[in-house]
């Protein structure tokens, strides 16, 4: 089941980006109340490897910064194609 992006926090994204294996990401997701398959975890890890968000972008993803619709669109495109 796809993860509801609105429920992700910058802390979750930071933790997810530190996962080295699908199994680590699955365990993290479960601890945060999400269920993901191994295939989904592998896909998310691949996406995370290809994304480098600066601090402002990361804050905007999680809603911690000033809302910027254009920036949010760019970040969502990076994260979710």
PDB file of N, CA and C in Angstrom:
ATOM      1  N   UNK A   1       0.851  -1.177   0.000  1.00  0.00           N
ATOM      2  CA  UNK A   1       0.000   0.000   0.000  1.00  0.00           C
ATOM      3  C   UNK A   1       0.895   1.239   0.000  1.00  0.00           C
ATOM      4  N   UNK A   2       0.624   2.203  -0.880  1.00  0.00           N
ATOM      5  CA  UNK A   2       1.433   3.423  -0.907  1.00  0.00           C
ATOM      6  C   UNK A   2       1.331   4.184   0.410  1.00  0.00           C
ATOM      7  N   UNK A   3       2.415   4.834   0.765  1.00  0.00           N
ATOM      8  CA  UNK A   3       2.448   5.619   1.992  1.00  0.00           C
ATOM      9  C   UNK A   3       1.786   6.966   1.734  1.00  0.00           C
ATOM     10  N   UNK A   4       0.948   7.388   2.662  1.00  0.00           N
ATOM     11  CA  UNK A   4       0.307   8.699   2.580  1.00  0.00           C
ATOM     12  C   UNK A   4       1.378   9.752   2.854  1.00  0.00           C
ATOM     13  N   UNK A   5       1.768  10.488   1.821  1.00  0.00           N
ATOM     14  CA  UNK A   5       2.849  11.472   1.934  1.00  0.00           C
ATOM     15  C   UNK A   5       2.551  12.551   2.967  1.00  0.00           C
ATOM     16  N   UNK A   6       1.276  12.804   3.217  1.00  0.00           N
ATOM     17  CA  UNK A   6       0.904  13.833   4.180  1.00  0.00           C
ATOM     18  C   UNK A   6       1.262  13.436   5.602  1.00  0.00           C
ATOM     19  N   UNK A   7       1.472  12.142   5.831  1.00  0.00           N
ATOM     20  CA  UNK A   7       1.790  11.660   7.171  1.00  0.00           C
ATOM     21  C   UNK A   7       3.290  11.591   7.439  1.00  0.00           C
ATOM     22  N   UNK A   8       4.107  11.851   6.430  1.00  0.00           N
ATOM     23  CA  UNK A   8       5.558  11.801   6.604  1.00  0.00           C
ATOM     24  C   UNK A   8       6.067  13.078   7.255  1.00  0.00           C
ATOM     25  N   UNK A   9       7.005  12.924   8.169  1.00  0.00           N
ATOM     26  CA  UNK A   9       7.640  14.079   8.793  1.00  0.00           C
ATOM     27  C   UNK A   9       9.083  14.156   8.325  1.00  0.00           C
ATOM     28  N   UNK A  10       9.723  15.293   8.557  1.00  0.00           N
ATOM     29  CA  UNK A  10      11.121  15.405   8.148  1.00  0.00           C
ATOM     30  C   UNK A  10      11.986  14.430   8.934  1.00  0.00           C
ATOM     31  N   UNK A  11      11.605  14.130  10.170  1.00  0.00           N
ATOM     32  CA  UNK A  11      12.363  13.163  10.956  1.00  0.00           C
ATOM     33  C   UNK A  11      12.260  11.770  10.332  1.00  0.00           C
ATOM     34  N   UNK A  12      11.059  11.409   9.871  1.00  0.00           N
ATOM     35  CA  UNK A  12      10.873  10.117   9.221  1.00  0.00           C
ATOM     36  C   UNK A  12      11.713  10.021   7.947  1.00  0.00           C
ATOM     37  N   UNK A  13      11.699  11.091   7.150  1.00  0.00           N
ATOM     38  CA  UNK A  13      12.478  11.099   5.916  1.00  0.00           C
ATOM     39  C   UNK A  13      13.968  10.994   6.211  1.00  0.00           C
ATOM     40  N   UNK A  14      14.406  11.677   7.247  1.00  0.00           N
ATOM     41  CA  UNK A  14      15.819  11.628   7.615  1.00  0.00           C
ATOM     42  C   UNK A  14      16.199  10.212   8.046  1.00  0.00           C
ATOM     43  N   UNK A  15      15.357   9.594   8.882  1.00  0.00           N
ATOM     44  CA  UNK A  15      15.621   8.221   9.320  1.00  0.00           C
ATOM     45  C   UNK A  15      15.606   7.268   8.123  1.00  0.00           C
ATOM     46  N   UNK A  16      14.648   7.448   7.242  1.00  0.00           N
ATOM     47  CA  UNK A  16      14.542   6.579   6.073  1.00  0.00           C
ATOM     48  C   UNK A  16      15.780   6.690   5.195  1.00  0.00           C
ATOM     49  N   UNK A  17      16.299   7.902   5.058  1.00  0.00           N
ATOM     50  CA  UNK A  17      17.478   8.099   4.214  1.00  0.00           C
ATOM     51  C   UNK A  17      18.722   7.447   4.807  1.00  0.00           C
ATOM     52  N   UNK A  18      18.684   7.110   6.091  1.00  0.00           N
ATOM     53  CA  UNK A  18      19.819   6.466   6.746  1.00  0.00           C
ATOM     54  C   UNK A  18      19.752   4.940   6.670  1.00  0.00           C
ATOM     55  N   UNK A  19      18.630   4.407   6.223  1.00  0.00           N
ATOM     56  CA  UNK A  19      18.485   2.959   6.089  1.00  0.00           C
ATOM     57  C   UNK A  19      19.357   2.466   4.939  1.00  0.00           C
ATOM     58  N   UNK A  20      20.043   1.363   5.179  1.00  0.00           N
ATOM     59  CA  UNK A  20      20.933   0.797   4.160  1.00  0.00           C
ATOM     60  C   UNK A  20      20.297  -0.374   3.421  1.00  0.00           C
ATOM     61  N   UNK A  21      19.299  -1.012   4.025  1.00  0.00           N
ATOM     62  CA  UNK A  21      18.668  -2.177   3.407  1.00  0.00           C
ATOM     63  C   UNK A  21      17.158  -2.034   3.434  1.00  0.00           C
ATOM     64  N   UNK A  22      16.521  -2.826   2.581  1.00  0.00           N
ATOM     65  CA  UNK A  22      15.058  -2.845   2.550  1.00  0.00           C
ATOM     66  C   UNK A  22      14.517  -3.307   3.893  1.00  0.00           C
ATOM     67  N   UNK A  23      15.192  -4.255   4.509  1.00  0.00           N
ATOM     68  CA  UNK A  23      14.744  -4.779   5.798  1.00  0.00           C
ATOM     69  C   UNK A  23      14.764  -3.695   6.871  1.00  0.00           C
ATOM     70  N   UNK A  24      15.803  -2.854   6.864  1.00  0.00           N
ATOM     71  CA  UNK A  24      15.875  -1.740   7.822  1.00  0.00           C
ATOM     72  C   UNK A  24      14.721  -0.773   7.587  1.00  0.00           C
ATOM     73  N   UNK A  25      14.437  -0.486   6.330  1.00  0.00           N
ATOM     74  CA  UNK A  25      13.361   0.453   6.009  1.00  0.00           C
ATOM     75  C   UNK A  25      11.998  -0.131   6.374  1.00  0.00           C
ATOM     76  N   UNK A  26      11.822  -1.418   6.149  1.00  0.00           N
ATOM     77  CA  UNK A  26      10.571  -2.081   6.526  1.00  0.00           C
ATOM     78  C   UNK A  26      10.369  -1.993   8.033  1.00  0.00           C
ATOM     79  N   UNK A  27      11.438  -2.247   8.795  1.00  0.00           N
ATOM     80  CA  UNK A  27      11.347  -2.175  10.260  1.00  0.00           C
ATOM     81  C   UNK A  27      11.046  -0.751  10.712  1.00  0.00           C
ATOM     82  N   UNK A  28      11.686   0.231  10.103  1.00  0.00           N
ATOM     83  CA  UNK A  28      11.430   1.633  10.440  1.00  0.00           C
ATOM     84  C   UNK A  28       9.983   1.990  10.125  1.00  0.00           C
ATOM     85  N   UNK A  29       9.526   1.619   8.949  1.00  0.00           N
ATOM     86  CA  UNK A  29       8.146   1.916   8.559  1.00  0.00           C
ATOM     87  C   UNK A  29       7.167   1.297   9.551  1.00  0.00           C
ATOM     88  N   UNK A  30       7.421   0.054   9.925  1.00  0.00           N
ATOM     89  CA  UNK A  30       6.534  -0.621  10.874  1.00  0.00           C
ATOM     90  C   UNK A  30       6.526   0.102  12.219  1.00  0.00           C
ATOM     91  N   UNK A  31       7.693   0.536  12.670  1.00  0.00           N
ATOM     92  CA  UNK A  31       7.791   1.264  13.943  1.00  0.00           C
ATOM     93  C   UNK A  31       7.029   2.590  13.889  1.00  0.00           C
ATOM     94  N   UNK A  32       6.908   3.155  12.696  1.00  0.00           N
ATOM     95  CA  UNK A  32       6.207   4.431  12.516  1.00  0.00           C
ATOM     96  C   UNK A  32       4.732   4.230  12.163  1.00  0.00           C
ATOM     97  N   UNK A  33       4.288   2.957  12.096  1.00  0.00           N
ATOM     98  CA  UNK A  33       2.883   2.673  11.833  1.00  0.00           C
ATOM     99  C   UNK A  33       2.530   2.465  10.373  1.00  0.00           C
ATOM    100  N   UNK A  34       3.539   2.233   9.529  1.00  0.00           N
ATOM    101  CA  UNK A  34       3.312   1.990   8.114  1.00  0.00           C
ATOM    102  C   UNK A  34       3.659   0.544   7.791  1.00  0.00           C
ATOM    103  N   UNK A  35       2.960  -0.031   6.852  1.00  0.00           N
ATOM    104  CA  UNK A  35       3.276  -1.362   6.351  1.00  0.00           C
ATOM    105  C   UNK A  35       3.706  -1.223   4.905  1.00  0.00           C
ATOM    106  N   UNK A  36       4.917  -1.699   4.578  1.00  0.00           N
ATOM    107  CA  UNK A  36       5.380  -1.674   3.200  1.00  0.00           C
ATOM    108  C   UNK A  36       5.959  -3.039   2.856  1.00  0.00           C
ATOM    109  N   UNK A  37       5.912  -3.370   1.584  1.00  0.00           N
ATOM    110  CA  UNK A  37       6.464  -4.628   1.120  1.00  0.00           C
ATOM    111  C   UNK A  37       7.960  -4.456   0.860  1.00  0.00           C
ATOM    112  N   UNK A  38       8.650  -5.580   0.662  1.00  0.00           N
ATOM    113  CA  UNK A  38      10.070  -5.511   0.349  1.00  0.00           C
ATOM    114  C   UNK A  38      10.278  -4.768  -0.981  1.00  0.00           C
ATOM    115  N   UNK A  39       9.428  -5.036  -1.956  1.00  0.00           N
ATOM    116  CA  UNK A  39       9.544  -4.358  -3.253  1.00  0.00           C
ATOM    117  C   UNK A  39       9.357  -2.845  -3.097  1.00  0.00           C
ATOM    118  N   UNK A  40       8.386  -2.430  -2.279  1.00  0.00           N
ATOM    119  CA  UNK A  40       8.173  -1.000  -2.037  1.00  0.00           C
ATOM    120  C   UNK A  40       9.377  -0.393  -1.322  1.00  0.00           C
ATOM    121  N   UNK A  41       9.908  -1.108  -0.334  1.00  0.00           N
ATOM    122  CA  UNK A  41      11.069  -0.605   0.404  1.00  0.00           C
ATOM    123  C   UNK A  41      12.262  -0.435  -0.525  1.00  0.00           C
ATOM    124  N   UNK A  42      12.481  -1.405  -1.391  1.00  0.00           N
ATOM    125  CA  UNK A  42      13.595  -1.304  -2.343  1.00  0.00           C
ATOM    126  C   UNK A  42      13.401  -0.127  -3.289  1.00  0.00           C
ATOM    127  N   UNK A  43      12.170   0.090  -3.727  1.00  0.00           N
ATOM    128  CA  UNK A  43      11.885   1.216  -4.619  1.00  0.00           C
ATOM    129  C   UNK A  43      12.106   2.541  -3.902  1.00  0.00           C
ATOM    130  N   UNK A  44      11.651   2.644  -2.646  1.00  0.00           N
ATOM    131  CA  UNK A  44      11.852   3.869  -1.878  1.00  0.00           C
ATOM    132  C   UNK A  44      13.343   4.129  -1.658  1.00  0.00           C
ATOM    133  N   UNK A  45      14.117   3.076  -1.363  1.00  0.00           N
ATOM    134  CA  UNK A  45      15.558   3.253  -1.162  1.00  0.00           C
ATOM    135  C   UNK A  45      16.222   3.754  -2.436  1.00  0.00           C
ATOM    136  N   UNK A  46      15.811   3.237  -3.556  1.00  0.00           N
ATOM    137  CA  UNK A  46      16.366   3.694  -4.839  1.00  0.00           C
ATOM    138  C   UNK A  46      16.053   5.174  -5.051  1.00  0.00           C
ATOM    139  N   UNK A  47      14.813   5.569  -4.750  1.00  0.00           N
ATOM    140  CA  UNK A  47      14.439   6.976  -4.873  1.00  0.00           C
ATOM    141  C   UNK A  47      15.264   7.843  -3.937  1.00  0.00           C
ATOM    142  N   UNK A  48      15.425   7.393  -2.694  1.00  0.00           N
ATOM    143  CA  UNK A  48      16.162   8.176  -1.707  1.00  0.00           C
ATOM    144  C   UNK A  48      17.631   8.340  -2.097  1.00  0.00           C
ATOM    145  N   UNK A  49      18.209   7.316  -2.720  1.00  0.00           N
ATOM    146  CA  UNK A  49      19.606   7.393  -3.148  1.00  0.00           C
ATOM    147  C   UNK A  49      19.806   8.461  -4.210  1.00  0.00           C
ATOM    148  N   UNK A  50      18.782   8.681  -5.006  1.00  0.00           N
ATOM    149  CA  UNK A  50      18.895   9.603  -6.130  1.00  0.00           C
ATOM    150  C   UNK A  50      18.466  11.023  -5.797  1.00  0.00           C
ATOM    151  N   UNK A  51      18.146  11.270  -4.539  1.00  0.00           N
ATOM    152  CA  UNK A  51      17.651  12.581  -4.144  1.00  0.00           C
ATOM    153  C   UNK A  51      18.582  13.195  -3.113  1.00  0.00           C
ATOM    154  N   UNK A  52      18.954  14.408  -3.367  1.00  0.00           N
ATOM    155  CA  UNK A  52      19.700  15.162  -2.386  1.00  0.00           C
ATOM    156  C   UNK A  52      18.914  16.424  -2.094  1.00  0.00           C
ATOM    157  N   UNK A  53      18.281  16.461  -0.933  1.00  0.00           N
ATOM    158  CA  UNK A  53      17.497  17.631  -0.545  1.00  0.00           C
ATOM    159  C   UNK A  53      18.326  18.515   0.370  1.00  0.00           C
ATOM    160  N   UNK A  54      18.300  19.807   0.088  1.00  0.00           N
ATOM    161  CA  UNK A  54      18.958  20.702   1.026  1.00  0.00           C
ATOM    162  C   UNK A  54      18.016  20.931   2.206  1.00  0.00           C
ATOM    163  N   UNK A  55      18.491  21.625   3.215  1.00  0.00           N
ATOM    164  CA  UNK A  55      17.708  21.812   4.439  1.00  0.00           C
ATOM    165  C   UNK A  55      16.349  22.457   4.163  1.00  0.00           C
ATOM    166  N   UNK A  56      16.308  23.478   3.321  1.00  0.00           N
ATOM    167  CA  UNK A  56      15.050  24.168   3.023  1.00  0.00           C
ATOM    168  C   UNK A  56      14.071  23.230   2.330  1.00  0.00           C
ATOM    169  N   UNK A  57      14.570  22.428   1.376  1.00  0.00           N
ATOM    170  CA  UNK A  57      13.696  21.487   0.681  1.00  0.00           C
ATOM    171  C   UNK A  57      13.147  20.442   1.649  1.00  0.00           C
ATOM    172  N   UNK A  58      14.004  19.921   2.518  1.00  0.00           N
ATOM    173  CA  UNK A  58      13.572  18.915   3.483  1.00  0.00           C
ATOM    174  C   UNK A  58      12.517  19.481   4.425  1.00  0.00           C
ATOM    175  N   UNK A  59      12.714  20.707   4.882  1.00  0.00           N
ATOM    176  CA  UNK A  59      11.726  21.329   5.764  1.00  0.00           C
ATOM    177  C   UNK A  59      10.398  21.531   5.050  1.00  0.00           C
ATOM    178  N   UNK A  60      10.437  21.899   3.782  1.00  0.00           N
ATOM    179  CA  UNK A  60       9.206  22.100   3.034  1.00  0.00           C
ATOM    180  C   UNK A  60       8.470  20.789   2.798  1.00  0.00           C
ATOM    181  N   UNK A  61       9.192  19.697   2.582  1.00  0.00           N
ATOM    182  CA  UNK A  61       8.556  18.394   2.406  1.00  0.00           C
ATOM    183  C   UNK A  61       7.747  18.051   3.641  1.00  0.00           C
ATOM    184  N   UNK A  62       8.324  18.298   4.808  1.00  0.00           N
ATOM    185  CA  UNK A  62       7.677  17.931   6.064  1.00  0.00           C
ATOM    186  C   UNK A  62       6.785  19.041   6.617  1.00  0.00           C
ATOM    187  N   UNK A  63       6.713  20.155   5.921  1.00  0.00           N
ATOM    188  CA  UNK A  63       5.863  21.247   6.383  1.00  0.00           C
ATOM    189  C   UNK A  63       6.512  22.109   7.448  1.00  0.00           C
ATOM    190  N   UNK A  64       7.811  21.955   7.660  1.00  0.00           N
ATOM    191  CA  UNK A  64       8.494  22.707   8.699  1.00  0.00           C
ATOM    192  C   UNK A  64       8.926  24.089   8.273  1.00  0.00           C
ATOM    193  N   UNK A  65       8.935  24.325   6.985  1.00  0.00           N
ATOM    194  CA  UNK A  65       9.353  25.627   6.499  1.00  0.00           C
ATOM    195  C   UNK A  65       8.169  26.410   5.977  1.00  0.00           C
ATOM    196  N   UNK A  66       8.452  27.615   5.502  1.00  0.00           N
ATOM    197  CA  UNK A  66       7.398  28.437   4.897  1.00  0.00           C
ATOM    198  C   UNK A  66       6.866  27.698   3.679  1.00  0.00           C
ATOM    199  N   UNK A  67       5.552  27.612   3.580  1.00  0.00           N
ATOM    200  CA  UNK A  67       4.971  26.858   2.476  1.00  0.00           C
ATOM    201  C   UNK A  67       5.258  27.554   1.157  1.00  0.00           C
ATOM    202  N   UNK A  68       5.754  26.784   0.234  1.00  0.00           N
ATOM    203  CA  UNK A  68       6.068  27.276  -1.092  1.00  0.00           C
ATOM    204  C   UNK A  68       5.538  26.236  -2.072  1.00  0.00           C
ATOM    205  N   UNK A  69       4.428  26.536  -2.726  1.00  0.00           N
ATOM    206  CA  UNK A  69       3.768  25.578  -3.597  1.00  0.00           C
ATOM    207  C   UNK A  69       4.686  25.118  -4.714  1.00  0.00           C
ATOM    208  N   UNK A  70       5.426  26.034  -5.305  1.00  0.00           N
ATOM    209  CA  UNK A  70       6.332  25.659  -6.391  1.00  0.00           C
ATOM    210  C   UNK A  70       7.402  24.705  -5.889  1.00  0.00           C
ATOM    211  N   UNK A  71       7.993  25.020  -4.730  1.00  0.00           N
ATOM    212  CA  UNK A  71       9.034  24.170  -4.154  1.00  0.00           C
ATOM    213  C   UNK A  71       8.459  22.810  -3.780  1.00  0.00           C
ATOM    214  N   UNK A  72       7.271  22.788  -3.199  1.00  0.00           N
ATOM    215  CA  UNK A  72       6.641  21.523  -2.816  1.00  0.00           C
ATOM    216  C   UNK A  72       6.421  20.648  -4.036  1.00  0.00           C
ATOM    217  N   UNK A  73       6.002  21.244  -5.117  1.00  0.00           N
ATOM    218  CA  UNK A  73       5.810  20.483  -6.347  1.00  0.00           C
ATOM    219  C   UNK A  73       7.098  19.879  -6.855  1.00  0.00           C
ATOM    220  N   UNK A  74       8.185  20.655  -6.809  1.00  0.00           N
ATOM    221  CA  UNK A  74       9.483  20.147  -7.254  1.00  0.00           C
ATOM    222  C   UNK A  74       9.946  18.999  -6.366  1.00  0.00           C
ATOM    223  N   UNK A  75       9.767  19.151  -5.075  1.00  0.00           N
ATOM    224  CA  UNK A  75      10.216  18.118  -4.144  1.00  0.00           C
ATOM    225  C   UNK A  75       9.390  16.854  -4.325  1.00  0.00           C
ATOM    226  N   UNK A  76       8.082  17.013  -4.431  1.00  0.00           N
ATOM    227  CA  UNK A  76       7.237  15.834  -4.643  1.00  0.00           C
ATOM    228  C   UNK A  76       7.591  15.137  -5.949  1.00  0.00           C
ATOM    229  N   UNK A  77       7.923  15.908  -6.962  1.00  0.00           N
ATOM    230  CA  UNK A  77       8.330  15.302  -8.232  1.00  0.00           C
ATOM    231  C   UNK A  77       9.618  14.506  -8.055  1.00  0.00           C
ATOM    232  N   UNK A  78      10.561  15.050  -7.266  1.00  0.00           N
ATOM    233  CA  UNK A  78      11.798  14.333  -6.999  1.00  0.00           C
ATOM    234  C   UNK A  78      11.534  13.045  -6.234  1.00  0.00           C
ATOM    235  N   UNK A  79      10.687  13.136  -5.220  1.00  0.00           N
ATOM    236  CA  UNK A  79      10.446  11.983  -4.344  1.00  0.00           C
ATOM    237  C   UNK A  79       9.548  10.923  -4.977  1.00  0.00           C
ATOM    238  N   UNK A  80       8.536  11.367  -5.685  1.00  0.00           N
ATOM    239  CA  UNK A  80       7.506  10.436  -6.096  1.00  0.00           C
ATOM    240  C   UNK A  80       7.285  10.369  -7.606  1.00  0.00           C
ATOM    241  N   UNK A  81       8.242  10.951  -8.352  1.00  0.00           N
ATOM    242  CA  UNK A  81       8.173  10.863  -9.810  1.00  0.00           C
ATOM    243  C   UNK A  81       7.061  11.619 -10.344  1.00  0.00           C
TER     244      UNK A  81
END
